[in-house]
Amino acid sequence: MAKVNIALDAELVVEVMVLAGVGNPQDAVEAVVRDYIARGHRTEALAASREEAHRTGEGITPPEPPQG
């Protein structure tokens, strides 16, 4: 896999290391990037399932008739 070198603010990296619970900057940044990618995939899957449900009518309940 190709590697990319970037410069990051040290305070940001330290904060990520603390939040991610890792002791090395490389692992911390990789964890954040992997989490971001996974979140994007989950969002795409959720949007697709909602579109499918709307398209097929699944999960859509008809309005209740007025009472009275």
PDB file of N, CA and C in Angstrom:
ATOM      1  N   MET A   1       0.843  -1.162   0.000  1.00  0.00           N
ATOM      2  CA  MET A   1       0.000   0.000   0.000  1.00  0.00           C
ATOM      3  C   MET A   1       0.899   1.238   0.000  1.00  0.00           C
ATOM      4  N   ALA A   2       0.507   2.232  -0.781  1.00  0.00           N
ATOM      5  CA  ALA A   2       1.267   3.479  -0.842  1.00  0.00           C
ATOM      6  C   ALA A   2       1.113   4.242   0.465  1.00  0.00           C
ATOM      7  N   LYS A   3       2.131   4.969   0.830  1.00  0.00           N
ATOM      8  CA  LYS A   3       2.123   5.764   2.052  1.00  0.00           C
ATOM      9  C   LYS A   3       2.107   7.244   1.682  1.00  0.00           C
ATOM     10  N   VAL A   4       1.494   8.048   2.539  1.00  0.00           N
ATOM     11  CA  VAL A   4       1.414   9.487   2.337  1.00  0.00           C
ATOM     12  C   VAL A   4       1.946  10.163   3.593  1.00  0.00           C
ATOM     13  N   ASN A   5       2.792  11.137   3.426  1.00  0.00           N
ATOM     14  CA  ASN A   5       3.303  11.908   4.556  1.00  0.00           C
ATOM     15  C   ASN A   5       2.622  13.267   4.571  1.00  0.00           C
ATOM     16  N   ILE A   6       2.086  13.645   5.728  1.00  0.00           N
ATOM     17  CA  ILE A   6       1.444  14.945   5.863  1.00  0.00           C
ATOM     18  C   ILE A   6       1.878  15.574   7.179  1.00  0.00           C
ATOM     19  N   ALA A   7       1.756  16.874   7.261  1.00  0.00           N
ATOM     20  CA  ALA A   7       2.062  17.581   8.499  1.00  0.00           C
ATOM     21  C   ALA A   7       0.745  17.915   9.191  1.00  0.00           C
ATOM     22  N   LEU A   8       0.661  17.615  10.482  1.00  0.00           N
ATOM     23  CA  LEU A   8      -0.539  17.897  11.263  1.00  0.00           C
ATOM     24  C   LEU A   8      -0.160  18.685  12.506  1.00  0.00           C
ATOM     25  N   ASP A   9      -1.096  19.468  12.991  1.00  0.00           N
ATOM     26  CA  ASP A   9      -0.904  20.195  14.235  1.00  0.00           C
ATOM     27  C   ASP A   9      -0.697  19.188  15.361  1.00  0.00           C
ATOM     28  N   ALA A  10       0.383  19.346  16.117  1.00  0.00           N
ATOM     29  CA  ALA A  10       0.732  18.391  17.172  1.00  0.00           C
ATOM     30  C   ALA A  10      -0.362  18.281  18.229  1.00  0.00           C
ATOM     31  N   GLU A  11      -1.008  19.394  18.559  1.00  0.00           N
ATOM     32  CA  GLU A  11      -2.079  19.348  19.559  1.00  0.00           C
ATOM     33  C   GLU A  11      -3.243  18.484  19.081  1.00  0.00           C
ATOM     34  N   LEU A  12      -3.572  18.574  17.790  1.00  0.00           N
ATOM     35  CA  LEU A  12      -4.646  17.742  17.244  1.00  0.00           C
ATOM     36  C   LEU A  12      -4.282  16.266  17.343  1.00  0.00           C
ATOM     37  N   VAL A  13      -3.062  15.950  16.998  1.00  0.00           N
ATOM     38  CA  VAL A  13      -2.627  14.552  17.019  1.00  0.00           C
ATOM     39  C   VAL A  13      -2.635  14.020  18.449  1.00  0.00           C
ATOM     40  N   VAL A  14      -2.157  14.805  19.392  1.00  0.00           N
ATOM     41  CA  VAL A  14      -2.163  14.365  20.788  1.00  0.00           C
ATOM     42  C   VAL A  14      -3.591  14.138  21.267  1.00  0.00           C
ATOM     43  N   GLU A  15      -4.489  15.037  20.906  1.00  0.00           N
ATOM     44  CA  GLU A  15      -5.888  14.862  21.314  1.00  0.00           C
ATOM     45  C   GLU A  15      -6.482  13.594  20.713  1.00  0.00           C
ATOM     46  N   VAL A  16      -6.180  13.330  19.463  1.00  0.00           N
ATOM     47  CA  VAL A  16      -6.658  12.096  18.826  1.00  0.00           C
ATOM     48  C   VAL A  16      -6.066  10.876  19.519  1.00  0.00           C
ATOM     49  N   MET A  17      -4.795  10.944  19.866  1.00  0.00           N
ATOM     50  CA  MET A  17      -4.155   9.821  20.554  1.00  0.00           C
ATOM     51  C   MET A  17      -4.856   9.539  21.880  1.00  0.00           C
ATOM     52  N   VAL A  18      -5.178  10.590  22.624  1.00  0.00           N
ATOM     53  CA  VAL A  18      -5.858  10.415  23.910  1.00  0.00           C
ATOM     54  C   VAL A  18      -7.259   9.844  23.690  1.00  0.00           C
ATOM     55  N   LEU A  19      -8.012  10.432  22.763  1.00  0.00           N
ATOM     56  CA  LEU A  19      -9.377   9.963  22.516  1.00  0.00           C
ATOM     57  C   LEU A  19      -9.413   8.535  21.980  1.00  0.00           C
ATOM     58  N   ALA A  20      -8.461   8.197  21.124  1.00  0.00           N
ATOM     59  CA  ALA A  20      -8.430   6.853  20.531  1.00  0.00           C
ATOM     60  C   ALA A  20      -7.778   5.836  21.458  1.00  0.00           C
ATOM     61  N   GLY A  21      -7.079   6.322  22.476  1.00  0.00           N
ATOM     62  CA  GLY A  21      -6.429   5.410  23.414  1.00  0.00           C
ATOM     63  C   GLY A  21      -5.233   4.697  22.816  1.00  0.00           C
ATOM     64  N   VAL A  22      -4.539   5.371  21.929  1.00  0.00           N
ATOM     65  CA  VAL A  22      -3.348   4.775  21.329  1.00  0.00           C
ATOM     66  C   VAL A  22      -2.128   5.631  21.659  1.00  0.00           C
ATOM     67  N   GLY A  23      -0.968   5.007  21.642  1.00  0.00           N
ATOM     68  CA  GLY A  23       0.231   5.707  22.057  1.00  0.00           C
ATOM     69  C   GLY A  23       1.127   6.167  20.938  1.00  0.00           C
ATOM     70  N   ASN A  24       0.660   6.040  19.713  1.00  0.00           N
ATOM     71  CA  ASN A  24       1.525   6.427  18.606  1.00  0.00           C
ATOM     72  C   ASN A  24       0.714   7.232  17.593  1.00  0.00           C
ATOM     73  N   PRO A  25       1.263   8.333  17.117  1.00  0.00           N
ATOM     74  CA  PRO A  25       0.522   9.229  16.222  1.00  0.00           C
ATOM     75  C   PRO A  25       0.033   8.554  14.934  1.00  0.00           C
ATOM     76  N   GLN A  26       0.846   7.695  14.364  1.00  0.00           N
ATOM     77  CA  GLN A  26       0.454   7.008  13.125  1.00  0.00           C
ATOM     78  C   GLN A  26      -0.812   6.185  13.345  1.00  0.00           C
ATOM     79  N   ASP A  27      -0.832   5.393  14.405  1.00  0.00           N
ATOM     80  CA  ASP A  27      -2.000   4.560  14.701  1.00  0.00           C
ATOM     81  C   ASP A  27      -3.229   5.409  15.001  1.00  0.00           C
ATOM     82  N   ALA A  28      -3.029   6.523  15.693  1.00  0.00           N
ATOM     83  CA  ALA A  28      -4.153   7.398  16.038  1.00  0.00           C
ATOM     84  C   ALA A  28      -4.807   7.968  14.784  1.00  0.00           C
ATOM     85  N   VAL A  29      -3.990   8.479  13.880  1.00  0.00           N
ATOM     86  CA  VAL A  29      -4.538   9.071  12.655  1.00  0.00           C
ATOM     87  C   VAL A  29      -5.179   7.991  11.782  1.00  0.00           C
ATOM     88  N   GLU A  30      -4.564   6.824  11.696  1.00  0.00           N
ATOM     89  CA  GLU A  30      -5.166   5.732  10.924  1.00  0.00           C
ATOM     90  C   GLU A  30      -6.504   5.323  11.515  1.00  0.00           C
ATOM     91  N   ALA A  31      -6.610   5.289  12.845  1.00  0.00           N
ATOM     92  CA  ALA A  31      -7.870   4.927  13.491  1.00  0.00           C
ATOM     93  C   ALA A  31      -8.966   5.931  13.149  1.00  0.00           C
ATOM     94  N   VAL A  32      -8.618   7.209  13.149  1.00  0.00           N
ATOM     95  CA  VAL A  32      -9.601   8.238  12.824  1.00  0.00           C
ATOM     96  C   VAL A  32     -10.044   8.118  11.371  1.00  0.00           C
ATOM     97  N   VAL A  33      -9.112   7.915  10.475  1.00  0.00           N
ATOM     98  CA  VAL A  33      -9.456   7.804   9.055  1.00  0.00           C
ATOM     99  C   VAL A  33     -10.311   6.559   8.810  1.00  0.00           C
ATOM    100  N   ARG A  34      -9.945   5.440   9.426  1.00  0.00           N
ATOM    101  CA  ARG A  34     -10.737   4.208   9.251  1.00  0.00           C
ATOM    102  C   ARG A  34     -12.146   4.385   9.809  1.00  0.00           C
ATOM    103  N   ASP A  35     -12.269   5.049  10.957  1.00  0.00           N
ATOM    104  CA  ASP A  35     -13.578   5.300  11.548  1.00  0.00           C
ATOM    105  C   ASP A  35     -14.416   6.193  10.633  1.00  0.00           C
ATOM    106  N   TYR A  36     -13.792   7.208  10.069  1.00  0.00           N
ATOM    107  CA  TYR A  36     -14.498   8.116   9.160  1.00  0.00           C
ATOM    108  C   TYR A  36     -15.017   7.364   7.937  1.00  0.00           C
ATOM    109  N   ILE A  37     -14.186   6.499   7.385  1.00  0.00           N
ATOM    110  CA  ILE A  37     -14.588   5.712   6.218  1.00  0.00           C
ATOM    111  C   ILE A  37     -15.727   4.764   6.578  1.00  0.00           C
ATOM    112  N   ALA A  38     -15.609   4.075   7.720  1.00  0.00           N
ATOM    113  CA  ALA A  38     -16.659   3.148   8.152  1.00  0.00           C
ATOM    114  C   ALA A  38     -17.973   3.889   8.374  1.00  0.00           C
ATOM    115  N   ARG A  39     -17.898   5.065   8.965  1.00  0.00           N
ATOM    116  CA  ARG A  39     -19.103   5.859   9.195  1.00  0.00           C
ATOM    117  C   ARG A  39     -19.745   6.237   7.869  1.00  0.00           C
ATOM    118  N   GLY A  40     -18.934   6.598   6.888  1.00  0.00           N
ATOM    119  CA  GLY A  40     -19.467   6.923   5.566  1.00  0.00           C
ATOM    120  C   GLY A  40     -20.167   5.740   4.926  1.00  0.00           C
ATOM    121  N   HIS A  41     -19.589   4.548   5.069  1.00  0.00           N
ATOM    122  CA  HIS A  41     -20.221   3.343   4.514  1.00  0.00           C
ATOM    123  C   HIS A  41     -21.542   3.047   5.221  1.00  0.00           C
ATOM    124  N   ARG A  42     -21.569   3.221   6.551  1.00  0.00           N
ATOM    125  CA  ARG A  42     -22.819   2.984   7.287  1.00  0.00           C
ATOM    126  C   ARG A  42     -23.891   3.982   6.857  1.00  0.00           C
ATOM    127  N   THR A  43     -23.500   5.227   6.664  1.00  0.00           N
ATOM    128  CA  THR A  43     -24.454   6.249   6.231  1.00  0.00           C
ATOM    129  C   THR A  43     -24.998   5.928   4.850  1.00  0.00           C
ATOM    130  N   GLU A  44     -24.119   5.507   3.946  1.00  0.00           N
ATOM    131  CA  GLU A  44     -24.566   5.134   2.599  1.00  0.00           C
ATOM    132  C   GLU A  44     -25.530   3.960   2.648  1.00  0.00           C
ATOM    133  N   ALA A  45     -25.226   2.958   3.469  1.00  0.00           N
ATOM    134  CA  ALA A  45     -26.093   1.779   3.578  1.00  0.00           C
ATOM    135  C   ALA A  45     -27.454   2.155   4.161  1.00  0.00           C
ATOM    136  N   LEU A  46     -27.462   3.012   5.163  1.00  0.00           N
ATOM    137  CA  LEU A  46     -28.716   3.443   5.762  1.00  0.00           C
ATOM    138  C   LEU A  46     -29.556   4.219   4.767  1.00  0.00           C
ATOM    139  N   ALA A  47     -28.931   5.121   4.034  1.00  0.00           N
ATOM    140  CA  ALA A  47     -29.655   5.904   3.030  1.00  0.00           C
ATOM    141  C   ALA A  47     -30.221   4.993   1.948  1.00  0.00           C
ATOM    142  N   ALA A  48     -29.441   4.002   1.527  1.00  0.00           N
ATOM    143  CA  ALA A  48     -29.912   3.076   0.495  1.00  0.00           C
ATOM    144  C   ALA A  48     -31.087   2.253   1.002  1.00  0.00           C
ATOM    145  N   SER A  49     -31.029   1.799   2.259  1.00  0.00           N
ATOM    146  CA  SER A  49     -32.141   0.995   2.781  1.00  0.00           C
ATOM    147  C   SER A  49     -33.389   1.850   2.941  1.00  0.00           C
ATOM    148  N   ARG A  50     -33.224   3.109   3.314  1.00  0.00           N
ATOM    149  CA  ARG A  50     -34.388   4.000   3.422  1.00  0.00           C
ATOM    150  C   ARG A  50     -34.995   4.265   2.045  1.00  0.00           C
ATOM    151  N   GLU A  51     -34.145   4.465   1.052  1.00  0.00           N
ATOM    152  CA  GLU A  51     -34.651   4.676  -0.303  1.00  0.00           C
ATOM    153  C   GLU A  51     -35.390   3.441  -0.794  1.00  0.00           C
ATOM    154  N   GLU A  52     -34.819   2.262  -0.510  1.00  0.00           N
ATOM    155  CA  GLU A  52     -35.461   1.009  -0.918  1.00  0.00           C
ATOM    156  C   GLU A  52     -36.806   0.845  -0.225  1.00  0.00           C
ATOM    157  N   ALA A  53     -36.865   1.124   1.056  1.00  0.00           N
ATOM    158  CA  ALA A  53     -38.119   0.997   1.803  1.00  0.00           C
ATOM    159  C   ALA A  53     -39.160   1.969   1.246  1.00  0.00           C
ATOM    160  N   HIS A  54     -38.733   3.171   0.938  1.00  0.00           N
ATOM    161  CA  HIS A  54     -39.665   4.156   0.390  1.00  0.00           C
ATOM    162  C   HIS A  54     -40.137   3.734  -0.997  1.00  0.00           C
ATOM    163  N   ARG A  55     -39.221   3.202  -1.789  1.00  0.00           N
ATOM    164  CA  ARG A  55     -39.544   2.783  -3.152  1.00  0.00           C
ATOM    165  C   ARG A  55     -40.518   1.610  -3.155  1.00  0.00           C
ATOM    166  N   THR A  56     -40.333   0.676  -2.230  1.00  0.00           N
ATOM    167  CA  THR A  56     -41.172  -0.522  -2.202  1.00  0.00           C
ATOM    168  C   THR A  56     -42.380  -0.376  -1.298  1.00  0.00           C
ATOM    169  N   GLY A  57     -42.394   0.697  -0.514  1.00  0.00           N
ATOM    170  CA  GLY A  57     -43.523   0.895   0.392  1.00  0.00           C
ATOM    171  C   GLY A  57     -43.392   0.151   1.701  1.00  0.00           C
ATOM    172  N   GLU A  58     -42.270  -0.511   1.918  1.00  0.00           N
ATOM    173  CA  GLU A  58     -42.062  -1.246   3.163  1.00  0.00           C
ATOM    174  C   GLU A  58     -41.872  -0.269   4.309  1.00  0.00           C
ATOM    175  N   GLY A  59     -42.470  -0.599   5.429  1.00  0.00           N
ATOM    176  CA  GLY A  59     -42.277   0.212   6.615  1.00  0.00           C
ATOM    177  C   GLY A  59     -43.089   1.489   6.624  1.00  0.00           C
ATOM    178  N   ILE A  60     -43.881   1.706   5.587  1.00  0.00           N
ATOM    179  CA  ILE A  60     -44.718   2.899   5.540  1.00  0.00           C
ATOM    180  C   ILE A  60     -46.108   2.501   6.004  1.00  0.00           C
ATOM    181  N   THR A  61     -46.550   3.115   7.053  1.00  0.00           N
ATOM    182  CA  THR A  61     -47.873   2.787   7.586  1.00  0.00           C
ATOM    183  C   THR A  61     -48.873   3.811   7.069  1.00  0.00           C
ATOM    184  N   PRO A  62     -50.065   3.354   6.721  1.00  0.00           N
ATOM    185  CA  PRO A  62     -51.079   4.301   6.233  1.00  0.00           C
ATOM    186  C   PRO A  62     -51.545   5.196   7.387  1.00  0.00           C
ATOM    187  N   PRO A  63     -52.010   6.374   7.080  1.00  0.00           N
ATOM    188  CA  PRO A  63     -52.486   7.255   8.138  1.00  0.00           C
ATOM    189  C   PRO A  63     -53.710   6.654   8.821  1.00  0.00           C
ATOM    190  N   GLU A  64     -53.826   6.911  10.112  1.00  0.00           N
ATOM    191  CA  GLU A  64     -54.986   6.397  10.845  1.00  0.00           C
ATOM    192  C   GLU A  64     -56.207   7.245  10.498  1.00  0.00           C
ATOM    193  N   PRO A  65     -57.364   6.574  10.418  1.00  0.00           N
ATOM    194  CA  PRO A  65     -58.588   7.343  10.107  1.00  0.00           C
ATOM    195  C   PRO A  65     -58.941   8.258  11.285  1.00  0.00           C
ATOM    196  N   PRO A  66     -59.572   9.371  10.999  1.00  0.00           N
ATOM    197  CA  PRO A  66     -59.961  10.277  12.085  1.00  0.00           C
ATOM    198  C   PRO A  66     -60.949   9.594  13.019  1.00  0.00           C
ATOM    199  N   GLN A  67     -60.838   9.886  14.283  1.00  0.00           N
ATOM    200  CA  GLN A  67     -61.753   9.301  15.260  1.00  0.00           C
ATOM    201  C   GLN A  67     -62.780  10.349  15.681  1.00  0.00           C
ATOM    202  N   GLY A  68     -63.944   9.858  15.945  1.00  0.00           N
ATOM    203  CA  GLY A  68     -64.913  10.821  16.447  1.00  0.00           C
ATOM    204  C   GLY A  68     -66.224  10.683  15.898  1.00  0.00           C
TER     205      GLY A  68
END
